[in-house]
Amino acid sequence: QVQLVESGGGLVQPGGSLSLSCAASGITASRYTMGWYRQLPGNQRELVAAIESGGSTNYGDSVKGRFTISRDNAKNTVYLQMNTLRPEDTAVYYCNLRRVLFGRDYDFWGQGTQVTVSS
């Protein structure tokens, strides 16, 4: 059974930093694109950042230059370092693992962790 467990969310003041981590079990995460998405109530889930198995990264426009995604395949873990946080970064952040194999989508999600940016 695949499980993704996120940690590191919380409350931070504007301009502050937070680091999220997501540990995967029951799966060889190195074969997957690992990513972070976020969602506000009533909004669609949006890409924050993703890192492919080969290390290429992709960021949402609103977080470029402020957030950094990384992965440790030996630990089956993906990280998100968030700096210079803004109130509009407030959302539930979800970890995602994704892969297409022989035309079939393999898509796994964590339970989400709340990030609140407020003074």
PDB file of N, CA and C in Angstrom:
ATOM      1  N   GLN A   1       0.847  -1.187   0.000  1.00  0.00           N
ATOM      2  CA  GLN A   1       0.000   0.000   0.000  1.00  0.00           C
ATOM      3  C   GLN A   1       0.890   1.248   0.000  1.00  0.00           C
ATOM      4  N   VAL A   2       0.585   2.162  -0.914  1.00  0.00           N
ATOM      5  CA  VAL A   2       1.367   3.384  -1.026  1.00  0.00           C
ATOM      6  C   VAL A   2       0.873   4.403  -0.006  1.00  0.00           C
ATOM      7  N   GLN A   3       1.814   4.998   0.718  1.00  0.00           N
ATOM      8  CA  GLN A   3       1.480   6.073   1.653  1.00  0.00           C
ATOM      9  C   GLN A   3       2.450   7.222   1.466  1.00  0.00           C
ATOM     10  N   LEU A   4       1.884   8.437   1.479  1.00  0.00           N
ATOM     11  CA  LEU A   4       2.677   9.654   1.447  1.00  0.00           C
ATOM     12  C   LEU A   4       2.349  10.440   2.704  1.00  0.00           C
ATOM     13  N   VAL A   5       3.362  10.720   3.506  1.00  0.00           N
ATOM     14  CA  VAL A   5       3.139  11.405   4.771  1.00  0.00           C
ATOM     15  C   VAL A   5       3.879  12.736   4.754  1.00  0.00           C
ATOM     16  N   GLU A   6       3.091  13.820   4.793  1.00  0.00           N
ATOM     17  CA  GLU A   6       3.666  15.155   4.787  1.00  0.00           C
ATOM     18  C   GLU A   6       3.904  15.645   6.200  1.00  0.00           C
ATOM     19  N   SER A   7       4.875  16.521   6.337  1.00  0.00           N
ATOM     20  CA  SER A   7       5.123  17.162   7.627  1.00  0.00           C
ATOM     21  C   SER A   7       5.750  18.522   7.384  1.00  0.00           C
ATOM     22  N   GLY A   8       5.677  19.378   8.405  1.00  0.00           N
ATOM     23  CA  GLY A   8       6.360  20.655   8.349  1.00  0.00           C
ATOM     24  C   GLY A   8       5.473  21.868   8.178  1.00  0.00           C
ATOM     25  N   GLY A   9       4.189  21.673   7.997  1.00  0.00           N
ATOM     26  CA  GLY A   9       3.313  22.823   7.860  1.00  0.00           C
ATOM     27  C   GLY A   9       3.159  23.562   9.180  1.00  0.00           C
ATOM     28  N   GLY A  10       2.481  24.703   9.113  1.00  0.00           N
ATOM     29  CA  GLY A  10       2.256  25.466  10.330  1.00  0.00           C
ATOM     30  C   GLY A  10       1.978  26.922  10.046  1.00  0.00           C
ATOM     31  N   LEU A  11       2.127  27.724  11.078  1.00  0.00           N
ATOM     32  CA  LEU A  11       1.874  29.161  11.009  1.00  0.00           C
ATOM     33  C   LEU A  11       3.207  29.904  10.979  1.00  0.00           C
ATOM     34  N   VAL A  12       3.310  30.851  10.066  1.00  0.00           N
ATOM     35  CA  VAL A  12       4.528  31.640   9.939  1.00  0.00           C
ATOM     36  C   VAL A  12       4.158  33.061   9.565  1.00  0.00           C
ATOM     37  N   GLN A  13       4.970  33.994   9.975  1.00  0.00           N
ATOM     38  CA  GLN A  13       4.724  35.390   9.636  1.00  0.00           C
ATOM     39  C   GLN A  13       5.152  35.687   8.206  1.00  0.00           C
ATOM     40  N   PRO A  14       4.551  36.684   7.599  1.00  0.00           N
ATOM     41  CA  PRO A  14       4.987  37.096   6.253  1.00  0.00           C
ATOM     42  C   PRO A  14       6.477  37.394   6.235  1.00  0.00           C
ATOM     43  N   GLY A  15       7.123  36.917   5.175  1.00  0.00           N
ATOM     44  CA  GLY A  15       8.568  37.058   5.054  1.00  0.00           C
ATOM     45  C   GLY A  15       9.348  35.921   5.659  1.00  0.00           C
ATOM     46  N   GLY A  16       8.662  35.050   6.379  1.00  0.00           N
ATOM     47  CA  GLY A  16       9.326  33.934   7.036  1.00  0.00           C
ATOM     48  C   GLY A  16       9.515  32.743   6.116  1.00  0.00           C
ATOM     49  N   SER A  17      10.014  31.657   6.718  1.00  0.00           N
ATOM     50  CA  SER A  17      10.319  30.447   5.958  1.00  0.00           C
ATOM     51  C   SER A  17       9.706  29.223   6.631  1.00  0.00           C
ATOM     52  N   LEU A  18       9.409  28.232   5.814  1.00  0.00           N
ATOM     53  CA  LEU A  18       8.963  26.921   6.280  1.00  0.00           C
ATOM     54  C   LEU A  18       9.549  25.871   5.360  1.00  0.00           C
ATOM     55  N   SER A  19       9.731  24.690   5.914  1.00  0.00           N
ATOM     56  CA  SER A  19      10.208  23.579   5.106  1.00  0.00           C
ATOM     57  C   SER A  19       9.237  22.425   5.249  1.00  0.00           C
ATOM     58  N   LEU A  20       8.775  21.913   4.122  1.00  0.00           N
ATOM     59  CA  LEU A  20       7.880  20.750   4.095  1.00  0.00           C
ATOM     60  C   LEU A  20       8.663  19.519   3.649  1.00  0.00           C
ATOM     61  N   SER A  21       8.240  18.387   4.152  1.00  0.00           N
ATOM     62  CA  SER A  21       8.796  17.134   3.674  1.00  0.00           C
ATOM     63  C   SER A  21       7.672  16.129   3.462  1.00  0.00           C
ATOM     64  N   CYS A  22       7.925  15.182   2.589  1.00  0.00           N
ATOM     65  CA  CYS A  22       6.941  14.147   2.270  1.00  0.00           C
ATOM     66  C   CYS A  22       7.691  12.833   2.104  1.00  0.00           C
ATOM     67  N   ALA A  23       7.398  11.907   2.989  1.00  0.00           N
ATOM     68  CA  ALA A  23       8.043  10.601   2.943  1.00  0.00           C
ATOM     69  C   ALA A  23       7.092   9.579   2.337  1.00  0.00           C
ATOM     70  N   ALA A  24       7.580   8.871   1.331  1.00  0.00           N
ATOM     71  CA  ALA A  24       6.773   7.861   0.648  1.00  0.00           C
ATOM     72  C   ALA A  24       7.157   6.467   1.132  1.00  0.00           C
ATOM     73  N   SER A  25       6.159   5.617   1.251  1.00  0.00           N
ATOM     74  CA  SER A  25       6.398   4.221   1.587  1.00  0.00           C
ATOM     75  C   SER A  25       5.546   3.336   0.689  1.00  0.00           C
ATOM     76  N   GLY A  26       5.989   2.093   0.509  1.00  0.00           N
ATOM     77  CA  GLY A  26       5.246   1.171  -0.343  1.00  0.00           C
ATOM     78  C   GLY A  26       5.442   1.433  -1.821  1.00  0.00           C
ATOM     79  N   ILE A  27       6.473   2.175  -2.162  1.00  0.00           N
ATOM     80  CA  ILE A  27       6.696   2.580  -3.547  1.00  0.00           C
ATOM     81  C   ILE A  27       8.163   2.951  -3.717  1.00  0.00           C
ATOM     82  N   THR A  28       8.689   2.760  -4.942  1.00  0.00           N
ATOM     83  CA  THR A  28      10.046   3.203  -5.245  1.00  0.00           C
ATOM     84  C   THR A  28       9.953   4.603  -5.829  1.00  0.00           C
ATOM     85  N   ALA A  29      10.067   5.592  -4.963  1.00  0.00           N
ATOM     86  CA  ALA A  29       9.794   6.970  -5.358  1.00  0.00           C
ATOM     87  C   ALA A  29      10.748   7.479  -6.430  1.00  0.00           C
ATOM     88  N   SER A  30      11.941   6.887  -6.518  1.00  0.00           N
ATOM     89  CA  SER A  30      12.926   7.376  -7.489  1.00  0.00           C
ATOM     90  C   SER A  30      12.430   7.259  -8.925  1.00  0.00           C
ATOM     91  N   ARG A  31      11.450   6.425  -9.160  1.00  0.00           N
ATOM     92  CA  ARG A  31      10.924   6.231 -10.516  1.00  0.00           C
ATOM     93  C   ARG A  31       9.810   7.222 -10.863  1.00  0.00           C
ATOM     94  N   TYR A  32       9.459   8.073  -9.923  1.00  0.00           N
ATOM     95  CA  TYR A  32       8.321   8.970 -10.079  1.00  0.00           C
ATOM     96  C   TYR A  32       8.741  10.428 -10.097  1.00  0.00           C
ATOM     97  N   THR A  33       7.937  11.233 -10.778  1.00  0.00           N
ATOM     98  CA  THR A  33       7.994  12.670 -10.582  1.00  0.00           C
ATOM     99  C   THR A  33       7.342  12.966  -9.235  1.00  0.00           C
ATOM    100  N   MET A  34       8.057  13.730  -8.409  1.00  0.00           N
ATOM    101  CA  MET A  34       7.537  14.084  -7.088  1.00  0.00           C
ATOM    102  C   MET A  34       7.228  15.572  -7.080  1.00  0.00           C
ATOM    103  N   GLY A  35       6.130  15.926  -6.468  1.00  0.00           N
ATOM    104  CA  GLY A  35       5.752  17.325  -6.523  1.00  0.00           C
ATOM    105  C   GLY A  35       4.929  17.778  -5.337  1.00  0.00           C
ATOM    106  N   TRP A  36       4.721  19.076  -5.312  1.00  0.00           N
ATOM    107  CA  TRP A  36       3.875  19.717  -4.314  1.00  0.00           C
ATOM    108  C   TRP A  36       2.812  20.542  -5.028  1.00  0.00           C
ATOM    109  N   TYR A  37       1.586  20.404  -4.566  1.00  0.00           N
ATOM    110  CA  TYR A  37       0.460  21.193  -5.039  1.00  0.00           C
ATOM    111  C   TYR A  37      -0.160  21.877  -3.836  1.00  0.00           C
ATOM    112  N   ARG A  38      -0.949  22.920  -4.101  1.00  0.00           N
ATOM    113  CA  ARG A  38      -1.658  23.571  -3.014  1.00  0.00           C
ATOM    114  C   ARG A  38      -3.082  23.894  -3.450  1.00  0.00           C
ATOM    115  N   GLN A  39      -3.927  24.032  -2.435  1.00  0.00           N
ATOM    116  CA  GLN A  39      -5.347  24.249  -2.715  1.00  0.00           C
ATOM    117  C   GLN A  39      -5.965  25.132  -1.652  1.00  0.00           C
ATOM    118  N   LEU A  40      -6.691  26.145  -2.126  1.00  0.00           N
ATOM    119  CA  LEU A  40      -7.509  26.966  -1.261  1.00  0.00           C
ATOM    120  C   LEU A  40      -8.951  26.487  -1.360  1.00  0.00           C
ATOM    121  N   PRO A  41      -9.767  26.706  -0.313  1.00  0.00           N
ATOM    122  CA  PRO A  41     -11.163  26.294  -0.385  1.00  0.00           C
ATOM    123  C   PRO A  41     -11.859  26.910  -1.597  1.00  0.00           C
ATOM    124  N   GLY A  42     -12.516  26.072  -2.374  1.00  0.00           N
ATOM    125  CA  GLY A  42     -13.238  26.549  -3.542  1.00  0.00           C
ATOM    126  C   GLY A  42     -12.379  26.719  -4.777  1.00  0.00           C
ATOM    127  N   ASN A  43     -11.072  26.497  -4.616  1.00  0.00           N
ATOM    128  CA  ASN A  43     -10.165  26.653  -5.756  1.00  0.00           C
ATOM    129  C   ASN A  43      -9.670  25.295  -6.230  1.00  0.00           C
ATOM    130  N   GLN A  44      -9.168  25.297  -7.454  1.00  0.00           N
ATOM    131  CA  GLN A  44      -8.539  24.087  -7.964  1.00  0.00           C
ATOM    132  C   GLN A  44      -7.165  23.918  -7.336  1.00  0.00           C
ATOM    133  N   ARG A  45      -6.742  22.669  -7.312  1.00  0.00           N
ATOM    134  CA  ARG A  45      -5.393  22.390  -6.832  1.00  0.00           C
ATOM    135  C   ARG A  45      -4.411  22.899  -7.885  1.00  0.00           C
ATOM    136  N   GLU A  46      -3.375  23.606  -7.459  1.00  0.00           N
ATOM    137  CA  GLU A  46      -2.415  24.163  -8.402  1.00  0.00           C
ATOM    138  C   GLU A  46      -1.004  23.668  -8.101  1.00  0.00           C
ATOM    139  N   LEU A  47      -0.229  23.557  -9.170  1.00  0.00           N
ATOM    140  CA  LEU A  47       1.160  23.121  -9.021  1.00  0.00           C
ATOM    141  C   LEU A  47       1.963  24.185  -8.298  1.00  0.00           C
ATOM    142  N   VAL A  48       2.713  23.739  -7.294  1.00  0.00           N
ATOM    143  CA  VAL A  48       3.697  24.597  -6.639  1.00  0.00           C
ATOM    144  C   VAL A  48       5.072  24.319  -7.232  1.00  0.00           C
ATOM    145  N   ALA A  49       5.460  23.052  -7.197  1.00  0.00           N
ATOM    146  CA  ALA A  49       6.778  22.673  -7.728  1.00  0.00           C
ATOM    147  C   ALA A  49       6.791  21.176  -7.961  1.00  0.00           C
ATOM    148  N   ALA A  50       7.605  20.747  -8.921  1.00  0.00           N
ATOM    149  CA  ALA A  50       7.757  19.327  -9.200  1.00  0.00           C
ATOM    150  C   ALA A  50       9.199  19.054  -9.574  1.00  0.00           C
ATOM    151  N   ILE A  51       9.630  17.832  -9.279  1.00  0.00           N
ATOM    152  CA  ILE A  51      10.976  17.416  -9.626  1.00  0.00           C
ATOM    153  C   ILE A  51      10.905  16.022 -10.234  1.00  0.00           C
ATOM    154  N   GLU A  52      11.460  15.890 -11.428  1.00  0.00           N
ATOM    155  CA  GLU A  52      11.398  14.624 -12.137  1.00  0.00           C
ATOM    156  C   GLU A  52      12.441  13.649 -11.578  1.00  0.00           C
ATOM    157  N   SER A  53      12.312  12.416 -12.000  1.00  0.00           N
ATOM    158  CA  SER A  53      13.234  11.400 -11.500  1.00  0.00           C
ATOM    159  C   SER A  53      14.680  11.729 -11.855  1.00  0.00           C
ATOM    160  N   GLY A  54      14.876  12.434 -12.974  1.00  0.00           N
ATOM    161  CA  GLY A  54      16.219  12.817 -13.386  1.00  0.00           C
ATOM    162  C   GLY A  54      16.725  14.088 -12.746  1.00  0.00           C
ATOM    163  N   GLY A  55      15.852  14.765 -11.984  1.00  0.00           N
ATOM    164  CA  GLY A  55      16.266  15.964 -11.267  1.00  0.00           C
ATOM    165  C   GLY A  55      15.784  17.278 -11.854  1.00  0.00           C
ATOM    166  N   SER A  56      15.180  17.259 -13.040  1.00  0.00           N
ATOM    167  CA  SER A  56      14.651  18.499 -13.605  1.00  0.00           C
ATOM    168  C   SER A  56      13.513  19.017 -12.746  1.00  0.00           C
ATOM    169  N   THR A  57      13.459  20.340 -12.613  1.00  0.00           N
ATOM    170  CA  THR A  57      12.449  20.948 -11.756  1.00  0.00           C
ATOM    171  C   THR A  57      11.534  21.884 -12.541  1.00  0.00           C
ATOM    172  N   ASN A  58      10.348  22.072 -11.980  1.00  0.00           N
ATOM    173  CA  ASN A  58       9.358  22.960 -12.576  1.00  0.00           C
ATOM    174  C   ASN A  58       8.633  23.665 -11.434  1.00  0.00           C
ATOM    175  N   TYR A  59       8.427  24.969 -11.556  1.00  0.00           N
ATOM    176  CA  TYR A  59       7.804  25.747 -10.493  1.00  0.00           C
ATOM    177  C   TYR A  59       6.612  26.531 -11.020  1.00  0.00           C
ATOM    178  N   GLY A  60       5.627  26.710 -10.154  1.00  0.00           N
ATOM    179  CA  GLY A  60       4.564  27.631 -10.459  1.00  0.00           C
ATOM    180  C   GLY A  60       5.104  29.052 -10.490  1.00  0.00           C
ATOM    181  N   ASP A  61       4.499  29.887 -11.337  1.00  0.00           N
ATOM    182  CA  ASP A  61       5.034  31.239 -11.535  1.00  0.00           C
ATOM    183  C   ASP A  61       5.080  32.041 -10.235  1.00  0.00           C
ATOM    184  N   SER A  62       4.107  31.843  -9.375  1.00  0.00           N
ATOM    185  CA  SER A  62       4.022  32.668  -8.172  1.00  0.00           C
ATOM    186  C   SER A  62       5.070  32.326  -7.124  1.00  0.00           C
ATOM    187  N   VAL A  63       5.756  31.199  -7.274  1.00  0.00           N
ATOM    188  CA  VAL A  63       6.733  30.798  -6.255  1.00  0.00           C
ATOM    189  C   VAL A  63       8.159  30.784  -6.774  1.00  0.00           C
ATOM    190  N   LYS A  64       8.334  31.046  -8.047  1.00  0.00           N
ATOM    191  CA  LYS A  64       9.692  31.028  -8.611  1.00  0.00           C
ATOM    192  C   LYS A  64      10.589  32.028  -7.883  1.00  0.00           C
ATOM    193  N   GLY A  65      11.776  31.551  -7.548  1.00  0.00           N
ATOM    194  CA  GLY A  65      12.727  32.400  -6.847  1.00  0.00           C
ATOM    195  C   GLY A  65      12.556  32.415  -5.342  1.00  0.00           C
ATOM    196  N   ARG A  66      11.446  31.860  -4.853  1.00  0.00           N
ATOM    197  CA  ARG A  66      11.204  31.849  -3.404  1.00  0.00           C
ATOM    198  C   ARG A  66      11.189  30.430  -2.831  1.00  0.00           C
ATOM    199  N   PHE A  67      10.704  29.473  -3.614  1.00  0.00           N
ATOM    200  CA  PHE A  67      10.587  28.084  -3.154  1.00  0.00           C
ATOM    201  C   PHE A  67      11.613  27.225  -3.886  1.00  0.00           C
ATOM    202  N   THR A  68      12.076  26.187  -3.200  1.00  0.00           N
ATOM    203  CA  THR A  68      13.009  25.237  -3.797  1.00  0.00           C
ATOM    204  C   THR A  68      12.569  23.824  -3.479  1.00  0.00           C
ATOM    205  N   ILE A  69      12.437  23.021  -4.521  1.00  0.00           N
ATOM    206  CA  ILE A  69      12.081  21.613  -4.342  1.00  0.00           C
ATOM    207  C   ILE A  69      13.331  20.756  -4.493  1.00  0.00           C
ATOM    208  N   SER A  70      13.397  19.701  -3.689  1.00  0.00           N
ATOM    209  CA  SER A  70      14.523  18.775  -3.783  1.00  0.00           C
ATOM    210  C   SER A  70      14.025  17.388  -3.392  1.00  0.00           C
ATOM    211  N   ARG A  71      14.845  16.392  -3.673  1.00  0.00           N
ATOM    212  CA  ARG A  71      14.451  15.024  -3.349  1.00  0.00           C
ATOM    213  C   ARG A  71      15.662  14.234  -2.881  1.00  0.00           C
ATOM    214  N   ASP A  72      15.371  13.233  -2.047  1.00  0.00           N
ATOM    215  CA  ASP A  72      16.380  12.293  -1.590  1.00  0.00           C
ATOM    216  C   ASP A  72      15.838  10.901  -1.896  1.00  0.00           C
ATOM    217  N   ASN A  73      16.301  10.334  -2.993  1.00  0.00           N
ATOM    218  CA  ASN A  73      15.751   9.048  -3.416  1.00  0.00           C
ATOM    219  C   ASN A  73      16.080   7.928  -2.426  1.00  0.00           C
ATOM    220  N   ALA A  74      17.201   8.043  -1.759  1.00  0.00           N
ATOM    221  CA  ALA A  74      17.555   7.015  -0.778  1.00  0.00           C
ATOM    222  C   ALA A  74      16.564   6.984   0.384  1.00  0.00           C
ATOM    223  N   LYS A  75      15.964   8.141   0.658  1.00  0.00           N
ATOM    224  CA  LYS A  75      14.990   8.236   1.754  1.00  0.00           C
ATOM    225  C   LYS A  75      13.553   8.251   1.245  1.00  0.00           C
ATOM    226  N   ASN A  76      13.376   8.138  -0.089  1.00  0.00           N
ATOM    227  CA  ASN A  76      12.014   8.182  -0.647  1.00  0.00           C
ATOM    228  C   ASN A  76      11.276   9.450  -0.220  1.00  0.00           C
ATOM    229  N   THR A  77      11.982  10.563  -0.202  1.00  0.00           N
ATOM    230  CA  THR A  77      11.435  11.796   0.365  1.00  0.00           C
ATOM    231  C   THR A  77      11.630  12.973  -0.586  1.00  0.00           C
ATOM    232  N   VAL A  78      10.611  13.830  -0.607  1.00  0.00           N
ATOM    233  CA  VAL A  78      10.689  15.083  -1.355  1.00  0.00           C
ATOM    234  C   VAL A  78      10.521  16.228  -0.366  1.00  0.00           C
ATOM    235  N   TYR A  79      11.217  17.316  -0.629  1.00  0.00           N
ATOM    236  CA  TYR A  79      11.220  18.465   0.264  1.00  0.00           C
ATOM    237  C   TYR A  79      10.783  19.714  -0.487  1.00  0.00           C
ATOM    238  N   LEU A  80      10.252  20.664   0.271  1.00  0.00           N
ATOM    239  CA  LEU A  80       9.931  21.971  -0.294  1.00  0.00           C
ATOM    240  C   LEU A  80      10.385  23.024   0.705  1.00  0.00           C
ATOM    241  N   GLN A  81      11.397  23.790   0.318  1.00  0.00           N
ATOM    242  CA  GLN A  81      11.862  24.895   1.129  1.00  0.00           C
ATOM    243  C   GLN A  81      11.143  26.152   0.650  1.00  0.00           C
ATOM    244  N   MET A  82      10.423  26.782   1.556  1.00  0.00           N
ATOM    245  CA  MET A  82       9.631  27.959   1.213  1.00  0.00           C
ATOM    246  C   MET A  82      10.187  29.171   1.946  1.00  0.00           C
ATOM    247  N   ASN A  83      10.659  30.132   1.185  1.00  0.00           N
ATOM    248  CA  ASN A  83      11.219  31.364   1.746  1.00  0.00           C
ATOM    249  C   ASN A  83      10.382  32.564   1.325  1.00  0.00           C
ATOM    250  N   THR A  84      10.571  33.637   2.029  1.00  0.00           N
ATOM    251  CA  THR A  84       9.872  34.892   1.742  1.00  0.00           C
ATOM    252  C   THR A  84       8.374  34.641   1.555  1.00  0.00           C
ATOM    253  N   LEU A  85       7.798  33.979   2.509  1.00  0.00           N
ATOM    254  CA  LEU A  85       6.393  33.593   2.404  1.00  0.00           C
ATOM    255  C   LEU A  85       5.482  34.807   2.457  1.00  0.00           C
ATOM    256  N   ARG A  86       4.379  34.693   1.717  1.00  0.00           N
ATOM    257  CA  ARG A  86       3.381  35.753   1.605  1.00  0.00           C
ATOM    258  C   ARG A  86       2.041  35.228   2.096  1.00  0.00           C
ATOM    259  N   PRO A  87       1.149  36.128   2.509  1.00  0.00           N
ATOM    260  CA  PRO A  87      -0.182  35.667   2.931  1.00  0.00           C
ATOM    261  C   PRO A  87      -0.889  34.845   1.850  1.00  0.00           C
ATOM    262  N   GLU A  88      -0.663  35.170   0.599  1.00  0.00           N
ATOM    263  CA  GLU A  88      -1.319  34.433  -0.487  1.00  0.00           C
ATOM    264  C   GLU A  88      -0.752  33.030  -0.686  1.00  0.00           C
ATOM    265  N   ASP A  89       0.307  32.683   0.040  1.00  0.00           N
ATOM    266  CA  ASP A  89       0.809  31.310   0.018  1.00  0.00           C
ATOM    267  C   ASP A  89       0.019  30.412   0.971  1.00  0.00           C
ATOM    268  N   THR A  90      -0.859  30.999   1.739  1.00  0.00           N
ATOM    269  CA  THR A  90      -1.684  30.232   2.671  1.00  0.00           C
ATOM    270  C   THR A  90      -2.572  29.249   1.906  1.00  0.00           C
ATOM    271  N   ALA A  91      -2.458  27.976   2.249  1.00  0.00           N
ATOM    272  CA  ALA A  91      -3.218  26.924   1.568  1.00  0.00           C
ATOM    273  C   ALA A  91      -2.906  25.592   2.234  1.00  0.00           C
ATOM    274  N   VAL A  92      -3.636  24.582   1.812  1.00  0.00           N
ATOM    275  CA  VAL A  92      -3.257  23.209   2.151  1.00  0.00           C
ATOM    276  C   VAL A  92      -2.304  22.718   1.056  1.00  0.00           C
ATOM    277  N   TYR A  93      -1.172  22.202   1.474  1.00  0.00           N
ATOM    278  CA  TYR A  93      -0.147  21.739   0.544  1.00  0.00           C
ATOM    279  C   TYR A  93      -0.172  20.218   0.500  1.00  0.00           C
ATOM    280  N   TYR A  94      -0.196  19.694  -0.725  1.00  0.00           N
ATOM    281  CA  TYR A  94      -0.297  18.257  -0.937  1.00  0.00           C
ATOM    282  C   TYR A  94       0.936  17.740  -1.663  1.00  0.00           C
ATOM    283  N   CYS A  95       1.417  16.623  -1.195  1.00  0.00           N
ATOM    284  CA  CYS A  95       2.508  15.918  -1.857  1.00  0.00           C
ATOM    285  C   CYS A  95       1.929  15.003  -2.938  1.00  0.00           C
ATOM    286  N   ASN A  96       2.647  14.877  -4.031  1.00  0.00           N
ATOM    287  CA  ASN A  96       2.177  14.058  -5.159  1.00  0.00           C
ATOM    288  C   ASN A  96       3.321  13.262  -5.766  1.00  0.00           C
ATOM    289  N   LEU A  97       3.031  12.011  -6.102  1.00  0.00           N
ATOM    290  CA  LEU A  97       3.943  11.202  -6.900  1.00  0.00           C
ATOM    291  C   LEU A  97       3.201  10.794  -8.154  1.00  0.00           C
ATOM    292  N   ARG A  98       3.864  10.900  -9.295  1.00  0.00           N
ATOM    293  CA  ARG A  98       3.177  10.650 -10.551  1.00  0.00           C
ATOM    294  C   ARG A  98       4.130   9.997 -11.541  1.00  0.00           C
ATOM    295  N   ARG A  99       3.525   9.071 -12.320  1.00  0.00           N
ATOM    296  CA  ARG A  99       4.310   8.385 -13.342  1.00  0.00           C
ATOM    297  C   ARG A  99       3.370   7.838 -14.390  1.00  0.00           C
ATOM    298  N   VAL A 100       3.793   7.864 -15.633  1.00  0.00           N
ATOM    299  CA  VAL A 100       3.061   7.212 -16.710  1.00  0.00           C
ATOM    300  C   VAL A 100       3.883   6.019 -17.169  1.00  0.00           C
ATOM    301  N   LEU A 101       3.276   4.839 -17.125  1.00  0.00           N
ATOM    302  CA  LEU A 101       3.986   3.628 -17.490  1.00  0.00           C
ATOM    303  C   LEU A 101       3.095   2.802 -18.399  1.00  0.00           C
ATOM    304  N   PHE A 102       3.573   2.542 -19.606  1.00  0.00           N
ATOM    305  CA  PHE A 102       2.811   1.781 -20.610  1.00  0.00           C
ATOM    306  C   PHE A 102       1.407   2.372 -20.786  1.00  0.00           C
ATOM    307  N   GLY A 103       1.353   3.708 -20.839  1.00  0.00           N
ATOM    308  CA  GLY A 103       0.098   4.394 -21.103  1.00  0.00           C
ATOM    309  C   GLY A 103      -0.839   4.512 -19.913  1.00  0.00           C
ATOM    310  N   ARG A 104      -0.433   4.027 -18.773  1.00  0.00           N
ATOM    311  CA  ARG A 104      -1.283   4.089 -17.582  1.00  0.00           C
ATOM    312  C   ARG A 104      -0.716   5.124 -16.606  1.00  0.00           C
ATOM    313  N   ASP A 105      -1.632   5.933 -16.052  1.00  0.00           N
ATOM    314  CA  ASP A 105      -1.245   6.939 -15.071  1.00  0.00           C
ATOM    315  C   ASP A 105      -1.202   6.329 -13.674  1.00  0.00           C
ATOM    316  N   TYR A 106      -0.101   6.578 -12.991  1.00  0.00           N
ATOM    317  CA  TYR A 106       0.030   6.214 -11.581  1.00  0.00           C
ATOM    318  C   TYR A 106       0.168   7.532 -10.817  1.00  0.00           C
ATOM    319  N   ASP A 107      -0.776   7.803  -9.929  1.00  0.00           N
ATOM    320  CA  ASP A 107      -0.912   9.123  -9.328  1.00  0.00           C
ATOM    321  C   ASP A 107      -1.272   8.931  -7.854  1.00  0.00           C
ATOM    322  N   PHE A 108      -0.396   9.401  -6.975  1.00  0.00           N
ATOM    323  CA  PHE A 108      -0.609   9.210  -5.538  1.00  0.00           C
ATOM    324  C   PHE A 108      -0.523  10.550  -4.819  1.00  0.00           C
ATOM    325  N   TRP A 109      -1.367  10.713  -3.778  1.00  0.00           N
ATOM    326  CA  TRP A 109      -1.456  11.973  -3.036  1.00  0.00           C
ATOM    327  C   TRP A 109      -1.308  11.746  -1.550  1.00  0.00           C
ATOM    328  N   GLY A 110      -0.696  12.736  -0.900  1.00  0.00           N
ATOM    329  CA  GLY A 110      -0.673  12.750   0.546  1.00  0.00           C
ATOM    330  C   GLY A 110      -1.964  13.336   1.088  1.00  0.00           C
ATOM    331  N   GLN A 111      -2.046  13.405   2.411  1.00  0.00           N
ATOM    332  CA  GLN A 111      -3.282  13.865   3.056  1.00  0.00           C
ATOM    333  C   GLN A 111      -3.345  15.382   3.166  1.00  0.00           C
ATOM    334  N   GLY A 112      -2.238  16.053   2.922  1.00  0.00           N
ATOM    335  CA  GLY A 112      -2.201  17.505   2.967  1.00  0.00           C
ATOM    336  C   GLY A 112      -1.710  18.040   4.293  1.00  0.00           C
ATOM    337  N   THR A 113      -1.051  19.195   4.224  1.00  0.00           N
ATOM    338  CA  THR A 113      -0.594  19.872   5.430  1.00  0.00           C
ATOM    339  C   THR A 113      -0.869  21.373   5.268  1.00  0.00           C
ATOM    340  N   GLN A 114      -1.403  21.967   6.324  1.00  0.00           N
ATOM    341  CA  GLN A 114      -1.811  23.367   6.276  1.00  0.00           C
ATOM    342  C   GLN A 114      -0.610  24.280   6.456  1.00  0.00           C
ATOM    343  N   VAL A 115      -0.520  25.257   5.573  1.00  0.00           N
ATOM    344  CA  VAL A 115       0.464  26.337   5.705  1.00  0.00           C
ATOM    345  C   VAL A 115      -0.315  27.642   5.812  1.00  0.00           C
ATOM    346  N   THR A 116      -0.076  28.374   6.882  1.00  0.00           N
ATOM    347  CA  THR A 116      -0.753  29.646   7.097  1.00  0.00           C
ATOM    348  C   THR A 116       0.289  30.739   7.270  1.00  0.00           C
ATOM    349  N   VAL A 117       0.179  31.760   6.431  1.00  0.00           N
ATOM    350  CA  VAL A 117       1.102  32.890   6.500  1.00  0.00           C
ATOM    351  C   VAL A 117       0.308  34.103   6.968  1.00  0.00           C
ATOM    352  N   SER A 118       0.585  34.517   8.186  1.00  0.00           N
ATOM    353  CA  SER A 118      -0.202  35.591   8.776  1.00  0.00           C
ATOM    354  C   SER A 118       0.575  36.241   9.906  1.00  0.00           C
ATOM    355  N   SER A 119       0.328  37.526  10.083  1.00  0.00           N
ATOM    356  CA  SER A 119       0.948  38.229  11.209  1.00  0.00           C
ATOM    357  C   SER A 119       0.004  38.252  12.401  1.00  0.00           C
TER     358      SER A 119
END
